[in-house]
Amino acid sequence: MIGRLNHVAIAVPDLAKAAALYAGPLGAEVSAPVALPAHGVTVVFVALPNTKIELLAPLGEASPIGRFLEQNPSGGIHHVCYEVDDILAARDRLKAEGARVLGDGAPRIGAHDRPVLFLHPKDFCGTLVELEQA
């Protein structure tokens, strides 16, 4: 059901500093920051030959990344994102097998202007999983 790994997301306390680290010493191509108010984050994407790294920073007081950084002040891996062909069919299959979809279960538009949803980390080996429609 899942397709390729779309990205690994890393929460960071300072987005500009993290982006400079990837662009400078690591020599990666880094996108401009994009604010996603509906998700409470600002993101940049680091392009890799086979996938992307998403650097996330809090946007607003209610940001879930802000809460994550309270527990992990230096930052850290926040989630992995896998592509699926049909996000509604994937959601329904996962729910039928007992997986919990976060929020109201309805996909929202993500950073790539595609529908996304998140799966509860307790159902996936302690890892927050994002599904993105390919």
N, C-alpha and C. Protein backbone atom coordinates (compact mmCIF):
# COMPACT_ATOMS: atom_id res chain seq x y z
N MET A 1 0.82 -1.19 0.00
CA MET A 1 0.00 0.00 0.00
C MET A 1 0.87 1.27 0.00
N ILE A 2 1.90 1.34 0.88
CA ILE A 2 2.70 2.56 0.88
C ILE A 2 3.67 2.54 -0.30
N GLY A 3 3.93 3.73 -0.77
CA GLY A 3 4.87 3.87 -1.87
C GLY A 3 6.21 4.35 -1.36
N ARG A 4 6.83 5.22 -2.11
CA ARG A 4 8.18 5.65 -1.76
C ARG A 4 8.17 6.57 -0.55
N LEU A 5 9.34 6.65 0.08
CA LEU A 5 9.54 7.59 1.18
C LEU A 5 9.57 8.99 0.58
N ASN A 6 8.65 9.84 0.99
CA ASN A 6 8.61 11.20 0.46
C ASN A 6 9.60 12.10 1.19
N HIS A 7 9.59 12.03 2.53
CA HIS A 7 10.54 12.82 3.31
C HIS A 7 10.63 12.35 4.74
N VAL A 8 11.71 12.76 5.39
CA VAL A 8 11.89 12.61 6.83
C VAL A 8 11.86 14.03 7.38
N ALA A 9 11.01 14.26 8.38
CA ALA A 9 10.86 15.60 8.94
C ALA A 9 11.65 15.72 10.23
N ILE A 10 12.39 16.81 10.33
CA ILE A 10 13.19 17.09 11.51
C ILE A 10 12.72 18.43 12.09
N ALA A 11 12.26 18.40 13.34
CA ALA A 11 11.88 19.64 14.02
C ALA A 11 13.14 20.35 14.48
N VAL A 12 13.19 21.66 14.27
CA VAL A 12 14.38 22.43 14.62
C VAL A 12 13.97 23.70 15.37
N PRO A 13 14.78 24.13 16.33
CA PRO A 13 14.45 25.36 17.05
C PRO A 13 14.76 26.63 16.25
N ASP A 14 15.69 26.55 15.29
CA ASP A 14 16.09 27.72 14.50
C ASP A 14 16.16 27.29 13.03
N LEU A 15 15.13 27.63 12.29
CA LEU A 15 15.02 27.17 10.90
C LEU A 15 16.13 27.73 10.02
N ALA A 16 16.46 28.99 10.18
CA ALA A 16 17.51 29.59 9.35
C ALA A 16 18.86 28.93 9.61
N LYS A 17 19.16 28.67 10.88
CA LYS A 17 20.43 28.03 11.23
C LYS A 17 20.49 26.60 10.68
N ALA A 18 19.39 25.86 10.79
CA ALA A 18 19.36 24.49 10.29
C ALA A 18 19.49 24.46 8.77
N ALA A 19 18.78 25.37 8.09
CA ALA A 19 18.86 25.44 6.62
C ALA A 19 20.28 25.77 6.18
N ALA A 20 20.93 26.69 6.90
CA ALA A 20 22.31 27.06 6.56
C ALA A 20 23.26 25.89 6.76
N LEU A 21 23.02 25.07 7.76
CA LEU A 21 23.85 23.89 7.99
C LEU A 21 23.75 22.92 6.82
N TYR A 22 22.54 22.68 6.34
CA TYR A 22 22.37 21.76 5.21
C TYR A 22 22.91 22.37 3.92
N ALA A 23 22.71 23.67 3.72
CA ALA A 23 23.18 24.32 2.49
C ALA A 23 24.68 24.53 2.49
N GLY A 24 25.25 24.84 3.65
CA GLY A 24 26.68 25.13 3.75
C GLY A 24 27.53 23.89 3.82
N PRO A 25 27.84 23.41 5.04
CA PRO A 25 28.75 22.27 5.20
C PRO A 25 28.31 21.01 4.45
N LEU A 26 26.99 20.78 4.38
CA LEU A 26 26.52 19.56 3.71
C LEU A 26 26.33 19.76 2.20
N GLY A 27 26.30 21.00 1.75
CA GLY A 27 26.24 21.29 0.32
C GLY A 27 24.95 20.89 -0.37
N ALA A 28 23.84 20.89 0.37
CA ALA A 28 22.56 20.47 -0.21
C ALA A 28 21.79 21.66 -0.78
N GLU A 29 20.88 21.34 -1.67
CA GLU A 29 19.95 22.35 -2.20
C GLU A 29 18.82 22.49 -1.20
N VAL A 30 18.59 23.72 -0.73
CA VAL A 30 17.58 23.98 0.30
C VAL A 30 16.57 24.98 -0.26
N SER A 31 15.30 24.68 -0.09
CA SER A 31 14.25 25.57 -0.58
C SER A 31 14.11 26.81 0.30
N ALA A 32 13.37 27.76 -0.19
CA ALA A 32 13.01 28.92 0.62
C ALA A 32 11.99 28.48 1.68
N PRO A 33 11.92 29.18 2.80
CA PRO A 33 10.93 28.84 3.83
C PRO A 33 9.50 29.04 3.32
N VAL A 34 8.61 28.14 3.75
CA VAL A 34 7.20 28.23 3.40
C VAL A 34 6.41 28.14 4.69
N ALA A 35 5.59 29.14 4.96
CA ALA A 35 4.72 29.14 6.14
C ALA A 35 3.46 28.34 5.83
N LEU A 36 3.11 27.45 6.74
CA LEU A 36 1.89 26.64 6.62
C LEU A 36 1.03 26.87 7.86
N PRO A 37 0.29 27.98 7.91
CA PRO A 37 -0.47 28.31 9.11
C PRO A 37 -1.46 27.23 9.53
N ALA A 38 -2.05 26.52 8.58
CA ALA A 38 -3.02 25.47 8.92
C ALA A 38 -2.38 24.33 9.69
N HIS A 39 -1.07 24.17 9.55
CA HIS A 39 -0.35 23.11 10.25
C HIS A 39 0.49 23.65 11.40
N GLY A 40 0.56 24.97 11.53
CA GLY A 40 1.32 25.58 12.61
C GLY A 40 2.83 25.46 12.47
N VAL A 41 3.31 25.43 11.22
CA VAL A 41 4.74 25.26 10.99
C VAL A 41 5.22 26.14 9.84
N THR A 42 6.52 26.38 9.85
CA THR A 42 7.23 26.91 8.69
C THR A 42 8.21 25.82 8.30
N VAL A 43 8.32 25.55 7.00
CA VAL A 43 9.15 24.44 6.54
C VAL A 43 10.13 24.90 5.47
N VAL A 44 11.24 24.17 5.39
CA VAL A 44 12.12 24.21 4.22
C VAL A 44 12.38 22.77 3.84
N PHE A 45 12.62 22.54 2.56
CA PHE A 45 12.91 21.20 2.09
C PHE A 45 14.35 21.13 1.60
N VAL A 46 15.02 20.08 2.01
CA VAL A 46 16.39 19.80 1.58
C VAL A 46 16.28 18.69 0.54
N ALA A 47 16.71 18.99 -0.68
CA ALA A 47 16.61 18.02 -1.78
C ALA A 47 17.78 17.04 -1.70
N LEU A 48 17.44 15.77 -1.75
CA LEU A 48 18.43 14.69 -1.81
C LEU A 48 18.17 13.90 -3.09
N PRO A 49 19.12 13.11 -3.55
CA PRO A 49 18.91 12.37 -4.80
C PRO A 49 17.72 11.41 -4.74
N ASN A 50 17.41 10.85 -3.56
CA ASN A 50 16.37 9.83 -3.50
C ASN A 50 15.17 10.20 -2.64
N THR A 51 15.20 11.35 -1.96
CA THR A 51 14.08 11.78 -1.13
C THR A 51 14.32 13.22 -0.70
N LYS A 52 13.65 13.66 0.35
CA LYS A 52 13.82 15.01 0.88
C LYS A 52 13.92 14.95 2.41
N ILE A 53 14.52 15.97 2.98
CA ILE A 53 14.46 16.22 4.41
C ILE A 53 13.60 17.46 4.57
N GLU A 54 12.63 17.40 5.45
CA GLU A 54 11.79 18.55 5.75
C GLU A 54 12.22 19.10 7.10
N LEU A 55 12.67 20.34 7.13
CA LEU A 55 13.01 21.00 8.38
C LEU A 55 11.79 21.80 8.82
N LEU A 56 11.33 21.55 10.05
CA LEU A 56 10.11 22.17 10.57
C LEU A 56 10.43 23.08 11.74
N ALA A 57 9.81 24.24 11.76
CA ALA A 57 9.92 25.14 12.90
C ALA A 57 8.51 25.60 13.27
N PRO A 58 8.29 25.91 14.54
CA PRO A 58 6.96 26.31 14.98
C PRO A 58 6.51 27.62 14.32
N LEU A 59 5.22 27.70 14.07
CA LEU A 59 4.59 28.92 13.58
C LEU A 59 3.36 29.16 14.45
N GLY A 60 3.45 30.10 15.34
CA GLY A 60 2.33 30.41 16.24
C GLY A 60 2.44 29.67 17.56
N GLU A 61 1.68 30.13 18.53
CA GLU A 61 1.72 29.60 19.89
C GLU A 61 1.18 28.17 20.00
N ALA A 62 0.24 27.80 19.16
CA ALA A 62 -0.39 26.49 19.26
C ALA A 62 0.28 25.44 18.37
N SER A 63 1.46 25.72 17.88
CA SER A 63 2.14 24.81 16.97
C SER A 63 2.46 23.48 17.63
N PRO A 64 2.13 22.37 16.96
CA PRO A 64 2.53 21.07 17.51
C PRO A 64 4.05 20.91 17.54
N ILE A 65 4.75 21.63 16.69
CA ILE A 65 6.22 21.56 16.70
C ILE A 65 6.77 22.29 17.91
N GLY A 66 6.09 23.35 18.34
CA GLY A 66 6.49 24.03 19.57
C GLY A 66 6.43 23.10 20.76
N ARG A 67 5.38 22.33 20.83
CA ARG A 67 5.24 21.35 21.93
C ARG A 67 6.32 20.28 21.82
N PHE A 68 6.61 19.83 20.61
CA PHE A 68 7.66 18.83 20.41
C PHE A 68 9.01 19.38 20.88
N LEU A 69 9.29 20.63 20.53
CA LEU A 69 10.57 21.24 20.90
C LEU A 69 10.68 21.51 22.41
N GLU A 70 9.55 21.68 23.09
CA GLU A 70 9.60 21.81 24.55
C GLU A 70 10.18 20.54 25.17
N GLN A 71 9.85 19.40 24.59
CA GLN A 71 10.34 18.11 25.10
C GLN A 71 11.70 17.75 24.51
N ASN A 72 12.03 18.34 23.37
CA ASN A 72 13.29 18.06 22.65
C ASN A 72 13.90 19.39 22.23
N PRO A 73 14.49 20.14 23.15
CA PRO A 73 14.94 21.50 22.86
C PRO A 73 15.95 21.61 21.72
N SER A 74 16.74 20.60 21.47
CA SER A 74 17.70 20.65 20.37
C SER A 74 17.09 20.25 19.04
N GLY A 75 15.85 19.78 19.07
CA GLY A 75 15.18 19.30 17.86
C GLY A 75 15.32 17.80 17.74
N GLY A 76 14.88 17.27 16.62
CA GLY A 76 14.97 15.84 16.38
C GLY A 76 14.00 15.38 15.31
N ILE A 77 14.09 14.11 14.98
CA ILE A 77 13.20 13.55 13.96
C ILE A 77 11.77 13.61 14.48
N HIS A 78 10.89 14.18 13.68
CA HIS A 78 9.50 14.36 14.08
C HIS A 78 8.59 13.32 13.43
N HIS A 79 8.75 13.07 12.13
CA HIS A 79 7.91 12.07 11.46
C HIS A 79 8.56 11.63 10.15
N VAL A 80 8.01 10.55 9.61
CA VAL A 80 8.36 10.10 8.27
C VAL A 80 7.11 10.18 7.41
N CYS A 81 7.31 10.48 6.14
CA CYS A 81 6.17 10.63 5.22
C CYS A 81 6.31 9.64 4.07
N TYR A 82 5.26 8.85 3.89
CA TYR A 82 5.20 7.88 2.80
C TYR A 82 4.13 8.31 1.81
N GLU A 83 4.37 8.04 0.55
CA GLU A 83 3.39 8.32 -0.48
C GLU A 83 2.40 7.16 -0.62
N VAL A 84 1.16 7.50 -0.91
CA VAL A 84 0.12 6.51 -1.22
C VAL A 84 -0.60 6.98 -2.48
N ASP A 85 -1.12 6.03 -3.24
CA ASP A 85 -1.82 6.38 -4.47
C ASP A 85 -3.18 7.01 -4.20
N ASP A 86 -3.88 6.51 -3.20
CA ASP A 86 -5.23 6.98 -2.87
C ASP A 86 -5.32 7.15 -1.36
N ILE A 87 -5.27 8.37 -0.89
CA ILE A 87 -5.19 8.61 0.54
C ILE A 87 -6.47 8.18 1.27
N LEU A 88 -7.62 8.33 0.63
CA LEU A 88 -8.87 7.91 1.28
C LEU A 88 -8.94 6.39 1.41
N ALA A 89 -8.54 5.68 0.37
CA ALA A 89 -8.53 4.22 0.44
C ALA A 89 -7.52 3.74 1.47
N ALA A 90 -6.35 4.40 1.52
CA ALA A 90 -5.33 4.04 2.52
C ALA A 90 -5.86 4.28 3.92
N ARG A 91 -6.48 5.44 4.14
CA ARG A 91 -7.05 5.75 5.45
C ARG A 91 -8.09 4.70 5.87
N ASP A 92 -8.99 4.38 4.96
CA ASP A 92 -10.05 3.45 5.29
C ASP A 92 -9.50 2.06 5.60
N ARG A 93 -8.52 1.62 4.84
CA ARG A 93 -7.90 0.31 5.08
C ARG A 93 -7.19 0.29 6.43
N LEU A 94 -6.44 1.34 6.73
CA LEU A 94 -5.72 1.41 8.00
C LEU A 94 -6.68 1.44 9.18
N LYS A 95 -7.74 2.24 9.07
CA LYS A 95 -8.72 2.31 10.16
C LYS A 95 -9.40 0.95 10.36
N ALA A 96 -9.68 0.25 9.27
CA ALA A 96 -10.30 -1.07 9.36
C ALA A 96 -9.39 -2.07 10.07
N GLU A 97 -8.08 -1.83 9.99
CA GLU A 97 -7.11 -2.71 10.64
C GLU A 97 -6.72 -2.21 12.03
N GLY A 98 -7.40 -1.16 12.51
CA GLY A 98 -7.20 -0.69 13.88
C GLY A 98 -6.26 0.48 14.06
N ALA A 99 -5.70 1.01 12.99
CA ALA A 99 -4.80 2.17 13.12
C ALA A 99 -5.62 3.42 13.41
N ARG A 100 -5.03 4.31 14.20
CA ARG A 100 -5.69 5.57 14.53
C ARG A 100 -5.16 6.69 13.65
N VAL A 101 -6.09 7.39 13.02
CA VAL A 101 -5.77 8.56 12.22
C VAL A 101 -5.95 9.78 13.12
N LEU A 102 -4.97 10.66 13.15
CA LEU A 102 -5.04 11.83 14.01
C LEU A 102 -6.00 12.87 13.46
N GLY A 103 -6.49 13.72 14.35
CA GLY A 103 -7.44 14.75 13.96
C GLY A 103 -8.79 14.14 13.67
N ASP A 104 -9.52 14.75 12.76
CA ASP A 104 -10.87 14.26 12.44
C ASP A 104 -10.85 13.18 11.36
N GLY A 105 -9.66 12.81 10.89
CA GLY A 105 -9.54 11.76 9.89
C GLY A 105 -9.64 12.24 8.46
N ALA A 106 -9.98 13.51 8.30
CA ALA A 106 -10.07 14.06 6.94
C ALA A 106 -8.70 14.57 6.50
N PRO A 107 -8.27 14.22 5.31
CA PRO A 107 -6.99 14.73 4.82
C PRO A 107 -7.01 16.26 4.72
N ARG A 108 -5.84 16.86 4.98
CA ARG A 108 -5.66 18.30 4.81
C ARG A 108 -4.59 18.51 3.75
N ILE A 109 -4.56 19.67 3.19
CA ILE A 109 -3.54 19.98 2.18
C ILE A 109 -2.22 20.25 2.88
N GLY A 110 -1.17 19.56 2.44
CA GLY A 110 0.14 19.67 3.05
C GLY A 110 1.06 20.61 2.30
N ALA A 111 2.33 20.55 2.63
CA ALA A 111 3.34 21.46 2.09
C ALA A 111 3.54 21.32 0.58
N HIS A 112 3.19 20.18 0.02
CA HIS A 112 3.35 19.97 -1.42
C HIS A 112 2.05 20.17 -2.18
N ASP A 113 1.07 20.82 -1.51
CA ASP A 113 -0.26 21.05 -2.10
C ASP A 113 -0.97 19.75 -2.45
N ARG A 114 -0.71 18.72 -1.64
CA ARG A 114 -1.36 17.42 -1.83
C ARG A 114 -2.02 17.02 -0.51
N PRO A 115 -3.04 16.18 -0.56
CA PRO A 115 -3.70 15.75 0.68
C PRO A 115 -2.75 14.90 1.55
N VAL A 116 -2.79 15.19 2.85
CA VAL A 116 -1.98 14.44 3.83
C VAL A 116 -2.84 14.10 5.03
N LEU A 117 -2.40 13.09 5.75
CA LEU A 117 -2.96 12.78 7.07
C LEU A 117 -1.88 12.11 7.89
N PHE A 118 -2.10 12.11 9.21
CA PHE A 118 -1.11 11.56 10.13
C PHE A 118 -1.68 10.39 10.89
N LEU A 119 -0.82 9.41 11.17
CA LEU A 119 -1.20 8.20 11.90
C LEU A 119 -0.55 8.22 13.27
N HIS A 120 -1.26 7.73 14.25
CA HIS A 120 -0.81 7.78 15.64
C HIS A 120 0.49 7.01 15.82
N PRO A 121 1.49 7.63 16.47
CA PRO A 121 2.79 6.95 16.64
C PRO A 121 2.71 5.66 17.45
N LYS A 122 1.75 5.55 18.36
CA LYS A 122 1.65 4.33 19.17
C LYS A 122 1.25 3.12 18.32
N ASP A 123 0.71 3.37 17.15
CA ASP A 123 0.33 2.28 16.25
C ASP A 123 1.43 1.90 15.27
N PHE A 124 2.54 2.68 15.25
CA PHE A 124 3.60 2.47 14.27
C PHE A 124 4.98 2.56 14.91
N CYS A 125 5.19 1.71 15.89
CA CYS A 125 6.51 1.54 16.52
C CYS A 125 7.06 2.85 17.11
N GLY A 126 6.17 3.70 17.61
CA GLY A 126 6.59 4.94 18.22
C GLY A 126 6.93 6.03 17.22
N THR A 127 6.58 5.85 15.96
CA THR A 127 6.92 6.83 14.92
C THR A 127 5.65 7.48 14.38
N LEU A 128 5.62 8.81 14.39
CA LEU A 128 4.53 9.54 13.74
C LEU A 128 4.69 9.35 12.24
N VAL A 129 3.62 8.91 11.59
CA VAL A 129 3.65 8.63 10.16
C VAL A 129 2.71 9.59 9.45
N GLU A 130 3.23 10.24 8.41
CA GLU A 130 2.41 11.07 7.54
C GLU A 130 2.22 10.31 6.24
N LEU A 131 1.00 10.31 5.74
CA LEU A 131 0.72 9.78 4.40
C LEU A 131 0.40 10.95 3.49
N GLU A 132 0.97 10.92 2.29
CA GLU A 132 0.72 11.98 1.31
C GLU A 132 0.28 11.33 0.02
N GLN A 133 -0.81 11.84 -0.54
CA GLN A 133 -1.27 11.29 -1.81
C GLN A 133 -0.28 11.67 -2.91
N ALA A 134 0.16 10.68 -3.64
CA ALA A 134 1.17 10.90 -4.70
C ALA A 134 0.51 11.53 -5.93
